[in-house]
Amino acid sequence: MNRSVEMEKLPDRLAERLRGPLPTLIGSRFEPQAFPWRRATPPPEARPAAVLMLLYPHEGQWWLPLTLRPDELPAHGGQISLPGGAVEPGETDAEAAVREFHEELGDDGQPVRLLGKLSPHYVEASDFLVAPWVGVVAARPKFAPNRAEVAELIETPFSVLLDPDRLGRQRRSYRGVSYDAPFFQFQSYKIWGATFVMLAQLAVVAET
């Protein structure tokens, strides 16, 4: 596809695909290893949460912001995450995704167009059932990271998700079991875990 057309059409293409049946990672190059301890369904008491994958145009391509969480945070400290957090009483997961984004990275007044929602993802370590929302703004946000929640802002080209050369696997161990964890490589960062899974599904949606 012509690059200029792709730049113009990507949000509408994603919105259309997010309205239909969502693809899984099974059978894709992103497929994570199956674990004997992984639950088939999330527990009914799992806490609702939401994240926002915000696309923005900059320097002729699409980008999305990730965050490096401070080491001292009790949940997922030192990990690369999508902006997001718990759904508060009385709000929808869509509202929570946008609110948490603004709380972490600032609100420059741009309206966020929500394109749709990916499959919910259960994060066992924090007992969150996460709703991953995809949105877009017209221009690069004027970021103002909240240093209590964001140690570093990582502006990531969307093309990283689609480049097979950026995909790797690393041997890790959990509960005494060794496994190959897939990750995206961007600069010196390895993006793995729940963040990888949600970004990988976005990549599959974009490619189908």
Protein backbone atom coordinates (compact mmCIF):
# COMPACT_ATOMS: atom_id res chain seq x y z
CA MET A 1 0.00 0.00 0.00
CA ASN A 2 1.18 3.51 -0.83
CA ARG A 3 2.62 5.10 2.31
CA SER A 4 0.66 8.36 1.99
CA VAL A 5 -2.59 6.44 1.51
CA GLU A 6 -1.76 4.22 4.49
CA MET A 7 -1.15 7.28 6.66
CA GLU A 8 -4.48 8.77 5.65
CA LYS A 9 -6.54 5.59 5.87
CA LEU A 10 -5.14 3.76 8.91
CA PRO A 11 -7.61 5.09 11.55
CA ASP A 12 -10.65 4.33 9.38
CA ARG A 13 -9.27 0.87 8.50
CA LEU A 14 -8.71 0.07 12.16
CA ALA A 15 -12.15 1.34 13.13
CA GLU A 16 -13.76 -0.89 10.50
CA ARG A 17 -11.82 -3.97 11.59
CA LEU A 18 -12.52 -3.34 15.28
CA ARG A 19 -16.25 -3.44 14.56
CA GLY A 20 -15.98 -7.03 13.30
CA PRO A 21 -14.86 -10.30 14.90
CA LEU A 22 -11.47 -9.79 16.48
CA PRO A 23 -8.55 -12.02 15.48
CA THR A 24 -6.57 -13.94 18.07
CA LEU A 25 -2.82 -14.42 18.28
CA ILE A 26 -3.17 -18.18 17.81
CA GLY A 27 -1.38 -19.21 14.66
CA SER A 28 0.22 -15.79 14.22
CA ARG A 29 3.90 -15.01 14.60
CA PHE A 30 3.00 -13.35 17.91
CA GLU A 31 1.45 -16.42 19.53
CA PRO A 32 2.59 -16.66 23.15
CA GLN A 33 3.46 -19.94 24.81
CA ALA A 34 0.63 -21.76 26.58
CA PHE A 35 1.10 -22.05 30.34
CA PRO A 36 -0.37 -24.75 32.58
CA TRP A 37 -1.32 -22.16 35.22
CA ARG A 38 -3.10 -19.75 32.87
CA ARG A 39 -6.83 -19.52 33.50
CA ALA A 40 -9.22 -20.25 30.64
CA THR A 41 -11.43 -17.39 31.80
CA PRO A 42 -10.75 -14.50 34.17
CA PRO A 43 -12.18 -14.79 37.69
CA PRO A 44 -15.50 -13.02 38.20
CA GLU A 45 -13.98 -10.84 40.92
CA ALA A 46 -11.21 -9.49 38.63
CA ARG A 47 -10.91 -5.71 38.87
CA PRO A 48 -11.94 -3.78 35.72
CA ALA A 49 -9.25 -1.63 34.13
CA ALA A 50 -8.64 0.07 30.80
CA VAL A 51 -5.72 1.25 28.70
CA LEU A 52 -5.51 3.56 25.71
CA MET A 53 -3.45 2.92 22.59
CA LEU A 54 -3.39 6.45 21.20
CA LEU A 55 -2.25 6.88 17.62
CA TYR A 56 -0.99 10.26 16.51
CA PRO A 57 0.66 11.48 13.28
CA HIS A 58 4.20 12.82 13.47
CA GLU A 59 7.01 13.14 10.95
CA GLY A 60 5.12 11.28 8.23
CA GLN A 61 4.09 8.22 10.22
CA TRP A 62 1.86 7.03 13.05
CA TRP A 63 3.14 6.80 16.61
CA LEU A 64 1.80 5.64 19.97
CA PRO A 65 3.08 6.45 23.46
CA LEU A 66 4.21 3.83 25.95
CA THR A 67 5.41 4.50 29.48
CA LEU A 68 8.14 3.11 31.67
CA ARG A 69 6.68 2.77 35.14
CA PRO A 70 8.74 3.90 38.15
CA ASP A 71 10.45 1.04 39.98
CA GLU A 72 8.78 1.90 43.27
CA LEU A 73 5.19 1.43 42.04
CA PRO A 74 3.59 -1.61 43.71
CA ALA A 75 2.00 -2.93 40.50
CA HIS A 76 4.25 -3.62 37.49
CA GLY A 77 7.00 -1.27 38.65
CA GLY A 78 9.87 -0.90 36.19
CA GLN A 79 7.85 -2.33 33.30
CA ILE A 80 6.84 -0.80 29.98
CA SER A 81 3.10 -0.23 29.92
CA LEU A 82 0.26 1.34 28.03
CA PRO A 83 -1.27 4.38 29.73
CA GLY A 84 -4.21 3.21 31.80
CA GLY A 85 -5.52 2.05 35.15
CA ALA A 86 -8.54 0.98 37.16
CA VAL A 87 -12.09 1.81 36.11
CA GLU A 88 -13.66 3.99 38.77
CA PRO A 89 -17.27 3.58 39.99
CA GLY A 90 -19.75 5.28 37.69
CA GLU A 91 -17.54 5.43 34.59
CA THR A 92 -17.26 3.21 31.52
CA ASP A 93 -14.03 1.52 30.53
CA ALA A 94 -13.80 3.89 27.55
CA GLU A 95 -14.02 6.89 29.89
CA ALA A 96 -11.44 5.31 32.19
CA ALA A 97 -9.01 4.73 29.33
CA VAL A 98 -9.09 8.40 28.27
CA ARG A 99 -9.05 9.72 31.84
CA GLU A 100 -6.08 7.56 32.84
CA PHE A 101 -4.20 8.59 29.70
CA HIS A 102 -4.64 12.25 30.58
CA GLU A 103 -3.68 11.66 34.20
CA GLU A 104 -0.45 9.96 33.17
CA LEU A 105 0.58 11.95 30.09
CA GLY A 106 -1.36 15.22 30.22
CA ASP A 107 -4.38 16.70 28.49
CA ASP A 108 -3.71 19.26 25.80
CA GLY A 109 -7.40 19.62 24.94
CA GLN A 110 -7.38 17.54 21.78
CA PRO A 111 -10.50 15.42 21.33
CA VAL A 112 -9.75 11.70 21.30
CA ARG A 113 -11.58 9.71 18.63
CA LEU A 114 -12.07 6.19 19.95
CA LEU A 115 -11.80 3.67 17.11
CA GLY A 116 -12.82 0.57 19.03
CA LYS A 117 -11.81 -1.97 21.61
CA LEU A 118 -9.59 -5.04 21.44
CA SER A 119 -10.19 -8.29 23.32
CA PRO A 120 -10.16 -7.97 27.11
CA HIS A 121 -6.92 -9.17 28.69
CA TYR A 122 -6.62 -10.62 32.18
CA VAL A 123 -3.41 -9.69 34.02
CA GLU A 124 -2.92 -12.29 36.70
CA ALA A 125 -0.18 -10.45 38.59
CA SER A 126 -2.45 -7.49 39.42
CA ASP A 127 -5.85 -9.24 39.03
CA PHE A 128 -6.98 -6.66 36.45
CA LEU A 129 -9.28 -7.44 33.54
CA VAL A 130 -8.09 -4.84 31.05
CA ALA A 131 -10.17 -3.29 28.27
CA PRO A 132 -7.71 -2.12 25.56
CA TRP A 133 -9.10 0.87 23.66
CA VAL A 134 -7.64 2.24 20.43
CA GLY A 135 -7.91 5.96 19.73
CA VAL A 136 -6.49 8.67 17.52
CA VAL A 137 -5.81 12.40 17.75
CA ALA A 138 -5.12 14.87 14.97
CA ALA A 139 -1.60 15.90 16.05
CA ARG A 140 1.19 14.86 18.37
CA PRO A 141 0.01 15.57 21.92
CA LYS A 142 1.81 18.10 24.09
CA PHE A 143 2.91 15.47 26.57
CA ALA A 144 3.23 16.35 30.24
CA PRO A 145 4.15 13.09 31.98
CA ASN A 146 3.08 12.64 35.59
CA ARG A 147 6.38 11.71 37.23
CA ALA A 148 4.61 9.86 40.04
CA GLU A 149 3.39 7.34 37.46
CA VAL A 150 5.74 7.73 34.50
CA ALA A 151 9.50 7.36 34.78
CA GLU A 152 9.95 7.76 31.02
CA LEU A 153 7.76 8.46 27.99
CA ILE A 154 8.57 6.10 25.11
CA GLU A 155 7.19 7.42 21.81
CA THR A 156 7.01 4.36 19.58
CA PRO A 157 6.44 4.23 15.80
CA PHE A 158 3.44 2.09 14.91
CA SER A 159 5.62 0.45 12.25
CA VAL A 160 7.57 -1.31 15.03
CA LEU A 161 4.54 -3.56 15.59
CA LEU A 162 4.47 -4.62 11.94
CA ASP A 163 8.20 -5.24 11.42
CA PRO A 164 9.12 -8.95 11.80
CA ASP A 165 12.70 -7.92 12.53
CA ARG A 166 11.49 -6.18 15.73
CA LEU A 167 9.96 -9.38 17.10
CA GLY A 168 12.05 -11.51 19.43
CA ARG A 169 11.76 -14.14 22.13
CA GLN A 170 13.57 -14.28 25.42
CA ARG A 171 13.90 -17.15 27.90
CA ARG A 172 12.21 -16.28 31.18
CA SER A 173 11.02 -18.14 34.26
CA TYR A 174 7.74 -17.92 36.20
CA ARG A 175 6.60 -20.18 39.01
CA GLY A 176 9.62 -22.35 38.38
CA VAL A 177 8.74 -22.92 34.71
CA SER A 178 10.98 -21.65 31.92
CA TYR A 179 9.31 -20.29 28.82
CA ASP A 180 9.98 -18.21 25.69
CA ALA A 181 8.48 -14.74 26.13
CA PRO A 182 7.82 -12.84 22.89
CA PHE A 183 8.67 -9.16 22.82
CA PHE A 184 8.95 -6.15 20.54
CA GLN A 185 12.41 -4.61 20.38
CA PHE A 186 12.49 -0.81 20.12
CA GLN A 187 15.76 0.97 20.72
CA SER A 188 17.06 -0.52 23.98
CA TYR A 189 13.58 -1.52 25.19
CA LYS A 190 11.99 -4.95 25.23
CA ILE A 191 8.20 -4.64 25.25
CA TRP A 192 6.78 -7.89 26.61
CA GLY A 193 4.07 -9.28 28.91
CA ALA A 194 0.52 -7.93 28.82
CA THR A 195 1.62 -4.84 26.89
CA PHE A 196 3.09 -7.07 24.18
CA VAL A 197 -0.09 -9.16 23.93
CA MET A 198 -2.35 -6.14 23.48
CA LEU A 199 -0.05 -4.45 20.97
CA ALA A 200 0.34 -7.71 19.09
CA GLN A 201 -3.42 -8.03 18.69
CA LEU A 202 -3.51 -4.48 17.37
CA ALA A 203 -0.83 -5.44 14.84
CA VAL A 204 -2.86 -8.48 13.73
CA VAL A 205 -5.96 -6.30 13.36
CA ALA A 206 -3.98 -3.85 11.21
CA GLU A 207 -2.64 -6.64 9.00
CA THR A 208 -5.94 -8.45 8.36
